[in-house]
Amino acid sequence: MGGVAFLFAGQGAQHPGMCAELAAAEPAARAVFEIADAVRPGTSAQCFEGTQEELNSTANTQPCVFAADLACARALAAHGIAPAAVAGFSLGEVAALTFAGSYTDEEGFELVCRRAALMAEAAEENPGAMRAILKLDAATVEELAAQAGEAWPVNYNSPQQTVVAGAPAALETLDELVRAAKGRSMPVAVSGAFHSPYMAPAAEALAAYLAEGHAPTAPQLPVIANRTAEAYPAGSGEQDGAARAGLLASQVANPVQWVRTLEELERRGIDTFIEVGPGKTLTGLVKRTLKGATALPCETPDQLADVLDALGIDSAN
């Protein structure tokens, strides 16, 4: 058996009641939500009781998904599961860095709240949306997006799924082009054109925030970056620190290289991927990208039990 990696869910995976059962059953998960509520009162209530509409607002989505991601990871760690590497999709990268020790839980939560506010502000300044394009390869999607106008491929999710962000009118044109190309276009449950040039103001403001003493410290295990599909620099020197801050800030306005991220983890000997946080989106992307890999979600107590069983770990421990 090869290594295990944790994959931290991103924006779009949120749903009402996320992680409620796990928080009730697992003290380590519950402790994360207690920290979240101390920093941002009402976060656990939004996760457990909020409506889909409430959760889809960026200012709520990112703190809630971050808390859910970290809670699931802490529950797994409490049962003795230590990943060889981690990666997070979009905002999940902040949770991955926090789990890897680059931030304390409080620092990571404060950062994700700031990130959410900046991205929400940028989305208001530059209204946009996102589409998941299915059944077409990335090169085809790139060509169609260029034809559509202000539309850019921003999430390279799997060999046959690429997400495009941009202006609403351009995305409507893209819908028609995709249909003509025998593909499928689906709206993504987010409130802005994330990871596109529309997010440049958020990236600049986030870079300034990180420069004020909030840059990530050296992670204690490999964290594969969205931007480069390579590990965050692990050195303690000033140059590596600046590189980490640059990766984290620029990520919000640049594409998520998820296919390459999964391929890098596989190259590192990972063959078991555990999705931490709400939903099963990343589990599906692993199965559609890597042949023979094991991918398991872990949001509920039953899913946690399945993961422990798959890894041969006694759930009583």
Protein backbone atom coordinates (compact mmCIF):
# COMPACT_ATOMS: atom_id res chain seq x y z
CA MET A 1 0.00 0.00 0.00
CA GLY A 2 1.18 3.47 -0.84
CA GLY A 3 0.74 6.70 1.04
CA VAL A 4 -2.34 8.60 2.15
CA ALA A 5 -3.19 12.18 1.24
CA PHE A 6 -5.91 14.44 2.63
CA LEU A 7 -7.78 16.55 0.06
CA PHE A 8 -9.51 19.61 1.53
CA ALA A 9 -12.81 20.55 -0.12
CA GLY A 10 -13.38 23.94 -1.72
CA GLN A 11 -16.12 26.44 -2.34
CA GLY A 12 -19.12 24.92 -4.07
CA ALA A 13 -19.17 21.81 -1.84
CA GLN A 14 -21.18 23.51 0.92
CA HIS A 15 -24.58 22.13 1.90
CA PRO A 16 -27.02 22.54 4.81
CA GLY A 17 -26.15 20.43 7.84
CA MET A 18 -22.55 19.83 6.80
CA CYS A 19 -20.46 18.08 9.45
CA ALA A 20 -23.21 18.31 12.09
CA GLU A 21 -23.19 14.58 12.80
CA LEU A 22 -19.39 14.39 12.88
CA ALA A 23 -19.13 17.33 15.29
CA ALA A 24 -21.64 15.65 17.59
CA ALA A 25 -19.76 12.35 17.52
CA GLU A 26 -16.08 13.37 17.42
CA PRO A 27 -14.54 15.66 20.08
CA ALA A 28 -11.66 16.64 17.77
CA ALA A 29 -14.12 17.87 15.14
CA ARG A 30 -16.25 19.65 17.72
CA ALA A 31 -13.17 21.50 19.03
CA VAL A 32 -12.57 23.04 15.60
CA PHE A 33 -16.10 24.43 15.48
CA GLU A 34 -15.65 25.85 18.97
CA ILE A 35 -12.58 27.75 17.76
CA ALA A 36 -14.48 28.91 14.69
CA ASP A 37 -17.32 30.23 16.83
CA ALA A 38 -14.86 32.05 19.09
CA VAL A 39 -13.36 33.87 16.09
CA ARG A 40 -16.59 34.28 14.13
CA PRO A 41 -19.69 33.70 16.26
CA GLY A 42 -22.42 31.71 14.56
CA THR A 43 -20.21 29.73 12.20
CA SER A 44 -21.22 26.30 13.50
CA ALA A 45 -24.91 27.31 13.42
CA GLN A 46 -24.52 28.29 9.76
CA CYS A 47 -22.87 24.96 8.96
CA PHE A 48 -25.39 22.86 10.84
CA GLU A 49 -28.60 24.85 10.38
CA GLY A 50 -28.05 27.42 7.61
CA THR A 51 -29.97 27.38 4.34
CA GLN A 52 -28.34 26.68 1.00
CA GLU A 53 -28.85 30.31 0.00
CA GLU A 54 -27.14 31.51 3.19
CA LEU A 55 -24.23 29.12 2.70
CA ASN A 56 -23.77 30.11 -0.95
CA SER A 57 -22.82 33.69 0.01
CA THR A 58 -19.03 33.91 -0.26
CA ALA A 59 -18.68 35.68 3.09
CA ASN A 60 -20.31 32.62 4.70
CA THR A 61 -19.16 29.85 2.38
CA GLN A 62 -15.45 30.16 2.95
CA PRO A 63 -15.39 30.27 6.78
CA CYS A 64 -17.96 27.46 6.97
CA VAL A 65 -16.24 25.14 4.49
CA PHE A 66 -12.86 25.88 6.10
CA ALA A 67 -14.24 24.87 9.51
CA ALA A 68 -15.82 21.72 8.08
CA ASP A 69 -12.62 20.77 6.24
CA LEU A 70 -10.41 21.18 9.28
CA ALA A 71 -12.90 19.43 11.57
CA CYS A 72 -12.92 16.34 9.36
CA ALA A 73 -9.13 16.29 9.14
CA ARG A 74 -8.75 16.65 12.91
CA ALA A 75 -11.18 13.76 13.46
CA LEU A 76 -9.10 11.53 11.20
CA ALA A 77 -5.89 12.60 12.92
CA ALA A 78 -7.44 11.80 16.31
CA HIS A 79 -7.86 8.23 15.08
CA GLY A 80 -4.20 8.01 14.16
CA ILE A 81 -4.31 8.76 10.45
CA ALA A 82 -1.28 10.84 9.45
CA PRO A 83 -1.23 11.84 5.76
CA ALA A 84 2.02 11.83 3.81
CA ALA A 85 0.91 14.97 1.97
CA VAL A 86 -2.09 17.28 1.66
CA ALA A 87 -3.73 19.49 -0.93
CA GLY A 88 -6.74 21.77 -0.86
CA PHE A 89 -9.03 22.92 -3.64
CA SER A 90 -9.12 26.74 -3.74
CA LEU A 91 -10.09 27.86 -0.22
CA GLY A 92 -9.30 24.30 0.87
CA GLU A 93 -5.65 25.20 0.42
CA VAL A 94 -5.89 27.48 3.46
CA ALA A 95 -7.27 24.56 5.48
CA ALA A 96 -4.52 22.31 4.14
CA LEU A 97 -1.83 24.80 5.18
CA THR A 98 -3.43 25.12 8.61
CA PHE A 99 -3.54 21.36 9.10
CA ALA A 100 0.11 21.20 7.99
CA GLY A 101 1.09 23.67 10.72
CA SER A 102 1.64 26.85 8.69
CA TYR A 103 -1.07 28.52 10.78
CA THR A 104 -2.71 27.86 14.11
CA ASP A 105 -6.40 27.03 13.80
CA GLU A 106 -7.28 30.56 14.93
CA GLU A 107 -4.86 32.17 12.47
CA GLY A 108 -6.13 30.04 9.60
CA PHE A 109 -9.72 30.91 10.40
CA GLU A 110 -8.95 34.63 10.61
CA LEU A 111 -7.14 34.41 7.28
CA VAL A 112 -10.00 32.63 5.53
CA CYS A 113 -12.47 35.21 6.87
CA ARG A 114 -10.31 38.00 5.41
CA ARG A 115 -9.92 36.09 2.13
CA ALA A 116 -13.70 35.62 1.88
CA ALA A 117 -14.37 39.31 2.49
CA LEU A 118 -11.83 40.41 -0.12
CA MET A 119 -13.14 37.97 -2.73
CA ALA A 120 -16.75 38.98 -2.03
CA GLU A 121 -15.78 42.63 -2.48
CA ALA A 122 -14.00 41.88 -5.75
CA ALA A 123 -17.06 39.93 -6.93
CA GLU A 124 -19.27 42.93 -6.25
CA GLU A 125 -16.91 45.21 -8.16
CA ASN A 126 -16.67 42.77 -11.09
CA PRO A 127 -19.87 40.68 -11.21
CA GLY A 128 -19.29 37.27 -12.70
CA ALA A 129 -20.14 33.60 -12.49
CA MET A 130 -18.68 30.15 -13.16
CA ARG A 131 -19.56 27.14 -15.29
CA ALA A 132 -18.38 23.54 -15.05
CA ILE A 133 -17.81 22.23 -18.57
CA LEU A 134 -18.15 18.46 -18.90
CA LYS A 135 -17.38 15.94 -21.65
CA LEU A 136 -14.79 18.15 -23.33
CA ASP A 137 -11.02 18.16 -22.85
CA ALA A 138 -9.22 21.18 -21.42
CA ALA A 139 -7.75 22.30 -24.74
CA THR A 140 -11.22 22.43 -26.31
CA VAL A 141 -12.61 24.37 -23.35
CA GLU A 142 -9.73 26.85 -23.61
CA GLU A 143 -10.57 27.45 -27.29
CA LEU A 144 -14.30 27.90 -26.61
CA ALA A 145 -13.67 30.26 -23.68
CA ALA A 146 -11.44 32.42 -25.87
CA GLN A 147 -14.25 32.62 -28.44
CA ALA A 148 -16.85 33.53 -25.80
CA GLY A 149 -15.18 36.78 -24.73
CA GLU A 150 -14.46 37.60 -21.08
CA ALA A 151 -14.28 33.98 -19.96
CA TRP A 152 -11.29 32.06 -18.64
CA PRO A 153 -10.62 28.41 -17.70
CA VAL A 154 -9.94 28.57 -13.98
CA ASN A 155 -10.28 25.07 -12.49
CA TYR A 156 -8.69 22.13 -14.27
CA ASN A 157 -10.71 19.55 -12.34
CA SER A 158 -10.33 16.35 -14.35
CA PRO A 159 -9.43 15.35 -17.91
CA GLN A 160 -13.07 15.87 -18.94
CA GLN A 161 -14.11 18.69 -16.58
CA THR A 162 -12.85 22.26 -16.68
CA VAL A 163 -14.48 25.18 -14.88
CA VAL A 164 -14.68 28.54 -16.63
CA ALA A 165 -15.21 31.90 -14.92
CA GLY A 166 -16.14 35.22 -16.44
CA ALA A 167 -18.78 37.78 -17.32
CA PRO A 168 -22.39 36.52 -17.30
CA ALA A 169 -22.93 37.45 -20.97
CA ALA A 170 -19.73 35.68 -22.02
CA LEU A 171 -20.76 32.57 -20.11
CA GLU A 172 -24.13 32.51 -21.84
CA THR A 173 -22.27 32.55 -25.15
CA LEU A 174 -20.02 29.80 -23.84
CA ASP A 175 -23.08 27.69 -22.96
CA GLU A 176 -24.12 27.79 -26.63
CA LEU A 177 -20.63 26.99 -27.87
CA VAL A 178 -20.35 24.05 -25.48
CA ARG A 179 -23.69 22.63 -26.59
CA ALA A 180 -22.60 22.90 -30.22
CA ALA A 181 -19.41 21.01 -29.33
CA LYS A 182 -21.47 18.19 -27.71
CA GLY A 183 -20.34 19.13 -24.22
CA ARG A 184 -22.35 20.04 -21.14
CA SER A 185 -22.30 23.33 -19.20
CA MET A 186 -23.44 23.50 -15.58
CA PRO A 187 -23.63 26.55 -13.25
CA VAL A 188 -21.35 26.40 -10.19
CA ALA A 189 -22.82 27.37 -6.80
CA VAL A 190 -20.58 30.37 -6.17
CA SER A 191 -21.16 34.12 -6.17
CA GLY A 192 -18.30 35.37 -8.32
CA ALA A 193 -15.80 34.69 -11.10
CA PHE A 194 -13.19 33.19 -8.81
CA HIS A 195 -9.61 32.40 -9.89
CA SER A 196 -10.04 34.74 -12.86
CA PRO A 197 -8.62 38.22 -13.61
CA TYR A 198 -11.76 39.62 -11.93
CA MET A 199 -10.17 38.62 -8.61
CA ALA A 200 -6.98 40.67 -9.11
CA PRO A 201 -8.03 43.28 -6.50
CA ALA A 202 -8.57 40.51 -3.95
CA ALA A 203 -5.15 39.00 -4.72
CA GLU A 204 -3.43 42.36 -4.25
CA ALA A 205 -5.23 43.07 -0.98
CA LEU A 206 -4.55 39.56 0.30
CA ALA A 207 -0.86 39.96 -0.50
CA ALA A 208 -0.83 43.13 1.60
CA TYR A 209 -2.55 41.33 4.48
CA LEU A 210 -0.05 38.46 4.36
CA ALA A 211 2.82 40.96 4.36
CA GLU A 212 1.54 42.39 7.65
CA GLY A 213 2.72 39.36 9.60
CA HIS A 214 0.21 36.81 8.33
CA ALA A 215 2.35 34.86 5.86
CA PRO A 216 2.31 31.07 6.17
CA THR A 217 5.21 29.55 8.07
CA ALA A 218 7.00 26.43 6.82
CA PRO A 219 4.54 23.51 6.63
CA GLN A 220 5.36 20.35 8.55
CA LEU A 221 4.34 18.09 5.66
CA PRO A 222 4.10 18.62 1.89
CA VAL A 223 1.27 20.93 0.78
CA ILE A 224 0.77 20.83 -2.98
CA ALA A 225 -0.05 24.31 -4.30
CA ASN A 226 -2.98 25.03 -6.62
CA ARG A 227 -0.96 27.41 -8.73
CA THR A 228 2.04 25.23 -9.51
CA ALA A 229 1.03 21.67 -8.59
CA GLU A 230 4.30 21.58 -6.65
CA ALA A 231 4.92 21.57 -2.91
CA TYR A 232 4.93 24.85 -1.02
CA PRO A 233 8.52 25.82 -0.12
CA ALA A 234 9.38 24.23 3.22
CA GLY A 235 12.36 26.35 4.22
CA SER A 236 12.40 28.82 7.08
CA GLY A 237 14.34 31.53 5.24
CA GLU A 238 12.97 34.86 4.08
CA GLN A 239 12.97 33.84 0.41
CA ASP A 240 10.86 30.73 1.03
CA GLY A 241 8.52 32.71 3.26
CA ALA A 242 7.96 35.27 0.52
CA ALA A 243 7.38 32.50 -2.01
CA ARG A 244 4.73 30.89 0.21
CA ALA A 245 2.93 34.22 0.64
CA GLY A 246 3.08 34.82 -3.09
CA LEU A 247 1.55 31.45 -3.89
CA LEU A 248 -1.26 31.91 -1.41
CA ALA A 249 -2.14 35.46 -2.46
CA SER A 250 -1.96 34.97 -6.22
CA GLN A 251 -3.95 31.74 -6.03
CA VAL A 252 -7.28 33.61 -5.82
CA ALA A 253 -6.80 35.18 -9.28
CA ASN A 254 -5.18 32.24 -11.08
CA PRO A 255 -6.31 28.76 -12.19
CA VAL A 256 -6.47 25.78 -9.86
CA GLN A 257 -4.26 23.09 -11.42
CA TRP A 258 -6.09 20.17 -9.84
CA VAL A 259 -5.33 17.48 -12.42
CA ARG A 260 -1.62 18.22 -12.14
CA THR A 261 -1.94 18.33 -8.33
CA LEU A 262 -3.38 14.81 -8.24
CA GLU A 263 -0.72 13.60 -10.65
CA GLU A 264 1.99 15.11 -8.42
CA LEU A 265 0.58 13.35 -5.37
CA GLU A 266 0.51 10.07 -7.27
CA ARG A 267 4.12 10.66 -8.34
CA ARG A 268 4.97 11.01 -4.64
CA GLY A 269 3.61 7.51 -3.96
CA ILE A 270 0.09 8.45 -2.85
CA ASP A 271 -2.56 5.90 -3.78
CA THR A 272 -5.22 6.62 -1.15
CA PHE A 273 -6.99 9.97 -1.15
CA ILE A 274 -9.30 11.01 1.68
CA GLU A 275 -11.59 13.96 0.98
CA VAL A 276 -12.05 16.04 4.13
CA GLY A 277 -14.94 18.48 4.32
CA PRO A 278 -18.41 18.59 2.79
CA GLY A 279 -19.52 16.50 -0.15
CA LYS A 280 -17.82 14.07 -2.49
CA THR A 281 -16.68 16.34 -5.33
CA LEU A 282 -12.94 15.73 -4.94
CA THR A 283 -13.48 12.00 -4.46
CA GLY A 284 -15.13 11.91 -7.88
CA LEU A 285 -12.35 13.95 -9.47
CA VAL A 286 -9.72 11.53 -8.19
CA LYS A 287 -11.58 8.57 -9.64
CA ARG A 288 -11.91 10.31 -13.01
CA THR A 289 -8.25 11.36 -13.09
CA LEU A 290 -6.12 8.59 -11.56
CA LYS A 291 -6.50 4.96 -12.56
CA GLY A 292 -6.47 2.51 -9.66
CA ALA A 293 -6.42 5.13 -6.90
CA THR A 294 -8.59 4.74 -3.80
CA ALA A 295 -10.68 7.81 -2.98
CA LEU A 296 -12.96 8.10 0.04
CA PRO A 297 -15.03 11.00 1.43
CA CYS A 298 -15.03 11.72 5.16
CA GLU A 299 -17.72 14.08 6.39
CA THR A 300 -20.01 11.87 8.48
CA PRO A 301 -19.40 9.32 11.26
CA ASP A 302 -20.34 6.51 8.86
CA GLN A 303 -17.85 7.75 6.28
CA LEU A 304 -15.19 8.06 8.97
CA ALA A 305 -15.84 4.44 9.94
CA ASP A 306 -15.49 3.41 6.28
CA VAL A 307 -12.14 5.21 6.02
CA LEU A 308 -10.84 3.58 9.21
CA ASP A 309 -11.98 0.18 7.94
CA ALA A 310 -10.31 0.73 4.55
CA LEU A 311 -7.05 1.62 6.29
CA GLY A 312 -7.29 -1.28 8.74
CA ILE A 313 -7.61 0.96 11.79
CA ASP A 314 -9.70 -0.04 14.81
CA SER A 315 -12.38 2.65 15.20
CA ALA A 316 -12.32 2.12 18.97
CA ASN A 317 -8.85 3.69 19.14
